Amino acid sequence: MPDPETRKRNVITFYEMMFNDCRPADAIATYAGATYIQHNPHVADGKQGFIDYFERMAAEYPGKHVTVKRAFCDGDHVILHCHQVWPEGLEYAGIDIFRIDPNGKIVEHWDVLQELPDHNANDNGMF
């Protein structure tokens, strides 16, 4: 398995290629393993489900953008803390968790998204 820094870099590149560059098929072809298990309830399981969903998002929401704020590697998992900005001012804080196979390929994904509030009860921010 690649070292932790390489695992983090590969997952970030995968995520940015899929989300920012609107190239989910290339992201899957380059960085996914033999299978791709999806836990997001809005995205169909498998590689094609991922590609179909993010091609639709690219067409419906041109200009969407994600910024990775931090990345962590824990064994065969890489965790990203991200800021998503969608057209019309919608913003999310997200945690994405990816499982990596022994070859360094992405094989499983979970995520949790929280819409950025108009007001915070503290001054700490979301990132």
C-alpha atoms as a PDB file:
ATOM      1  CA  MET A   1       0.000   0.000   0.000  1.00  0.00           C
ATOM      2  CA  PRO A   2       1.316   3.497  -0.768  1.00  0.00           C
ATOM      3  CA  ASP A   3       2.532   5.663   2.108  1.00  0.00           C
ATOM      4  CA  PRO A   4      -0.020   7.891   3.934  1.00  0.00           C
ATOM      5  CA  GLU A   5       0.974  11.105   2.123  1.00  0.00           C
ATOM      6  CA  THR A   6       0.530   9.434  -1.274  1.00  0.00           C
ATOM      7  CA  ARG A   7      -2.842   8.018  -0.211  1.00  0.00           C
ATOM      8  CA  LYS A   8      -4.013  11.485   0.873  1.00  0.00           C
ATOM      9  CA  ARG A   9      -2.707  13.122  -2.312  1.00  0.00           C
ATOM     10  CA  ASN A  10      -4.406  10.513  -4.528  1.00  0.00           C
ATOM     11  CA  VAL A  11      -7.763  10.876  -2.771  1.00  0.00           C
ATOM     12  CA  ILE A  12      -7.593  14.684  -2.979  1.00  0.00           C
ATOM     13  CA  THR A  13      -6.733  14.494  -6.691  1.00  0.00           C
ATOM     14  CA  PHE A  14      -9.612  12.036  -7.248  1.00  0.00           C
ATOM     15  CA  TYR A  15     -12.044  14.327  -5.422  1.00  0.00           C
ATOM     16  CA  GLU A  16     -10.926  17.493  -7.216  1.00  0.00           C
ATOM     17  CA  MET A  17     -10.952  15.753 -10.622  1.00  0.00           C
ATOM     18  CA  MET A  18     -14.485  14.493 -10.053  1.00  0.00           C
ATOM     19  CA  PHE A  19     -15.946  17.616  -8.436  1.00  0.00           C
ATOM     20  CA  ASN A  20     -14.003  20.640  -9.719  1.00  0.00           C
ATOM     21  CA  ASP A  21     -12.847  19.376 -13.116  1.00  0.00           C
ATOM     22  CA  CYS A  22     -16.181  17.605 -13.782  1.00  0.00           C
ATOM     23  CA  ARG A  23     -14.385  14.439 -14.904  1.00  0.00           C
ATOM     24  CA  PRO A  24     -15.909  11.639 -12.807  1.00  0.00           C
ATOM     25  CA  ALA A  25     -15.247   8.917 -15.397  1.00  0.00           C
ATOM     26  CA  ASP A  26     -11.551   9.836 -15.511  1.00  0.00           C
ATOM     27  CA  ALA A  27     -11.417   9.973 -11.713  1.00  0.00           C
ATOM     28  CA  ILE A  28     -12.914   6.481 -11.443  1.00  0.00           C
ATOM     29  CA  ALA A  29     -10.697   5.071 -14.221  1.00  0.00           C
ATOM     30  CA  THR A  30      -7.556   6.455 -12.601  1.00  0.00           C
ATOM     31  CA  TYR A  31      -8.148   6.127  -8.852  1.00  0.00           C
ATOM     32  CA  ALA A  32     -10.884   3.530  -8.158  1.00  0.00           C
ATOM     33  CA  GLY A  33     -10.270  -0.135  -7.426  1.00  0.00           C
ATOM     34  CA  ALA A  34     -12.034  -3.158  -8.854  1.00  0.00           C
ATOM     35  CA  THR A  35     -15.230  -2.216  -6.979  1.00  0.00           C
ATOM     36  CA  TYR A  36     -16.633   1.058  -5.655  1.00  0.00           C
ATOM     37  CA  ILE A  37     -19.036   0.819  -2.720  1.00  0.00           C
ATOM     38  CA  GLN A  38     -21.117   3.958  -2.192  1.00  0.00           C
ATOM     39  CA  HIS A  39     -22.833   4.863   1.097  1.00  0.00           C
ATOM     40  CA  ASN A  40     -24.255   8.264   0.081  1.00  0.00           C
ATOM     41  CA  PRO A  41     -28.017   7.570  -0.216  1.00  0.00           C
ATOM     42  CA  HIS A  42     -28.344   9.937  -3.191  1.00  0.00           C
ATOM     43  CA  VAL A  43     -25.736   8.156  -5.350  1.00  0.00           C
ATOM     44  CA  ALA A  44     -26.229   4.698  -6.841  1.00  0.00           C
ATOM     45  CA  ASP A  45     -23.745   2.027  -5.795  1.00  0.00           C
ATOM     46  CA  GLY A  46     -20.827   1.152  -8.041  1.00  0.00           C
ATOM     47  CA  LYS A  47     -18.589   2.978 -10.470  1.00  0.00           C
ATOM     48  CA  GLN A  48     -21.285   3.745 -13.037  1.00  0.00           C
ATOM     49  CA  GLY A  49     -23.632   5.104 -10.384  1.00  0.00           C
ATOM     50  CA  PHE A  50     -20.874   7.491  -9.269  1.00  0.00           C
ATOM     51  CA  ILE A  51     -20.142   8.589 -12.847  1.00  0.00           C
ATOM     52  CA  ASP A  52     -23.830   9.113 -13.700  1.00  0.00           C
ATOM     53  CA  TYR A  53     -24.484  11.168 -10.560  1.00  0.00           C
ATOM     54  CA  PHE A  54     -21.503  13.484 -10.921  1.00  0.00           C
ATOM     55  CA  GLU A  55     -21.957  13.947 -14.670  1.00  0.00           C
ATOM     56  CA  ARG A  56     -25.513  15.071 -13.886  1.00  0.00           C
ATOM     57  CA  MET A  57     -24.241  17.399 -11.129  1.00  0.00           C
ATOM     58  CA  ALA A  58     -21.690  18.915 -13.549  1.00  0.00           C
ATOM     59  CA  ALA A  59     -24.441  19.619 -16.090  1.00  0.00           C
ATOM     60  CA  GLU A  60     -26.953  20.959 -13.555  1.00  0.00           C
ATOM     61  CA  TYR A  61     -24.516  22.961 -11.402  1.00  0.00           C
ATOM     62  CA  PRO A  62     -21.727  24.397 -13.542  1.00  0.00           C
ATOM     63  CA  GLY A  63     -19.197  26.264 -11.457  1.00  0.00           C
ATOM     64  CA  LYS A  64     -19.549  24.139  -8.327  1.00  0.00           C
ATOM     65  CA  HIS A  65     -16.271  23.952  -6.461  1.00  0.00           C
ATOM     66  CA  VAL A  66     -14.748  22.109  -3.522  1.00  0.00           C
ATOM     67  CA  THR A  67     -11.767  23.121  -1.428  1.00  0.00           C
ATOM     68  CA  VAL A  68     -10.106  20.484   0.726  1.00  0.00           C
ATOM     69  CA  LYS A  69      -9.351  22.132   4.057  1.00  0.00           C
ATOM     70  CA  ARG A  70      -7.573  19.158   5.650  1.00  0.00           C
ATOM     71  CA  ALA A  71      -6.906  15.487   5.028  1.00  0.00           C
ATOM     72  CA  PHE A  72      -6.154  12.629   7.406  1.00  0.00           C
ATOM     73  CA  CYS A  73      -4.967   9.104   6.810  1.00  0.00           C
ATOM     74  CA  ASP A  74      -5.782   6.316   9.261  1.00  0.00           C
ATOM     75  CA  GLY A  75      -4.716   2.891   8.054  1.00  0.00           C
ATOM     76  CA  ASP A  76      -6.698   2.092   4.926  1.00  0.00           C
ATOM     77  CA  HIS A  77      -8.965   5.156   5.288  1.00  0.00           C
ATOM     78  CA  VAL A  78      -8.483   8.723   4.076  1.00  0.00           C
ATOM     79  CA  ILE A  79     -10.722  11.430   5.538  1.00  0.00           C
ATOM     80  CA  LEU A  80     -11.251  14.819   3.909  1.00  0.00           C
ATOM     81  CA  HIS A  81     -12.747  17.935   5.532  1.00  0.00           C
ATOM     82  CA  CYS A  82     -14.071  20.023   2.655  1.00  0.00           C
ATOM     83  CA  HIS A  83     -15.810  23.280   1.800  1.00  0.00           C
ATOM     84  CA  GLN A  84     -18.262  22.910  -1.070  1.00  0.00           C
ATOM     85  CA  VAL A  85     -19.566  25.996  -2.873  1.00  0.00           C
ATOM     86  CA  TRP A  86     -22.492  25.505  -5.229  1.00  0.00           C
ATOM     87  CA  PRO A  87     -24.107  27.996  -7.615  1.00  0.00           C
ATOM     88  CA  GLU A  88     -26.627  30.415  -6.140  1.00  0.00           C
ATOM     89  CA  GLY A  89     -24.623  30.726  -2.914  1.00  0.00           C
ATOM     90  CA  LEU A  90     -25.292  27.322  -1.363  1.00  0.00           C
ATOM     91  CA  GLU A  91     -22.319  26.171   0.751  1.00  0.00           C
ATOM     92  CA  TYR A  92     -21.587  23.005   2.691  1.00  0.00           C
ATOM     93  CA  ALA A  93     -19.043  21.713   5.160  1.00  0.00           C
ATOM     94  CA  GLY A  94     -18.373  18.087   4.359  1.00  0.00           C
ATOM     95  CA  ILE A  95     -16.553  15.085   5.710  1.00  0.00           C
ATOM     96  CA  ASP A  96     -15.740  12.423   3.123  1.00  0.00           C
ATOM     97  CA  ILE A  97     -14.301   9.074   4.158  1.00  0.00           C
ATOM     98  CA  PHE A  98     -12.648   6.814   1.598  1.00  0.00           C
ATOM     99  CA  ARG A  99     -11.420   3.251   2.067  1.00  0.00           C
ATOM    100  CA  ILE A 100      -8.311   2.339   0.099  1.00  0.00           C
ATOM    101  CA  ASP A 101      -7.448  -1.184  -1.087  1.00  0.00           C
ATOM    102  CA  PRO A 102      -3.933  -2.704  -0.741  1.00  0.00           C
ATOM    103  CA  ASN A 103      -3.057  -1.368  -4.215  1.00  0.00           C
ATOM    104  CA  GLY A 104      -3.825   2.208  -3.126  1.00  0.00           C
ATOM    105  CA  LYS A 105      -7.113   2.403  -5.045  1.00  0.00           C
ATOM    106  CA  ILE A 106     -10.369   3.865  -3.699  1.00  0.00           C
ATOM    107  CA  VAL A 107     -12.992   1.174  -3.095  1.00  0.00           C
ATOM    108  CA  GLU A 108     -15.530   2.666  -0.662  1.00  0.00           C
ATOM    109  CA  HIS A 109     -16.986   6.078   0.240  1.00  0.00           C
ATOM    110  CA  TRP A 110     -19.054   7.637   3.027  1.00  0.00           C
ATOM    111  CA  ASP A 111     -19.924  11.314   3.490  1.00  0.00           C
ATOM    112  CA  VAL A 112     -21.694  13.724   5.782  1.00  0.00           C
ATOM    113  CA  LEU A 113     -22.694  17.214   4.632  1.00  0.00           C
ATOM    114  CA  GLN A 114     -23.830  20.200   6.656  1.00  0.00           C
ATOM    115  CA  GLU A 115     -25.173  23.365   5.070  1.00  0.00           C
ATOM    116  CA  LEU A 116     -23.285  26.429   6.280  1.00  0.00           C
ATOM    117  CA  PRO A 117     -25.572  28.435   8.536  1.00  0.00           C
ATOM    118  CA  ASP A 118     -26.363  32.124   8.160  1.00  0.00           C
ATOM    119  CA  HIS A 119     -25.411  32.632  11.811  1.00  0.00           C
ATOM    120  CA  ASN A 120     -23.056  30.811  14.161  1.00  0.00           C
ATOM    121  CA  ALA A 121     -23.501  30.677  17.926  1.00  0.00           C
ATOM    122  CA  ASN A 122     -19.693  31.002  18.174  1.00  0.00           C
ATOM    123  CA  ASP A 123     -16.890  32.701  16.269  1.00  0.00           C
ATOM    124  CA  ASN A 124     -14.992  29.494  15.424  1.00  0.00           C
ATOM    125  CA  GLY A 125     -16.348  28.963  11.908  1.00  0.00           C
ATOM    126  CA  MET A 126     -16.849  25.668  10.139  1.00  0.00           C
ATOM    127  CA  PHE A 127     -13.271  25.221   8.992  1.00  0.00           C
END
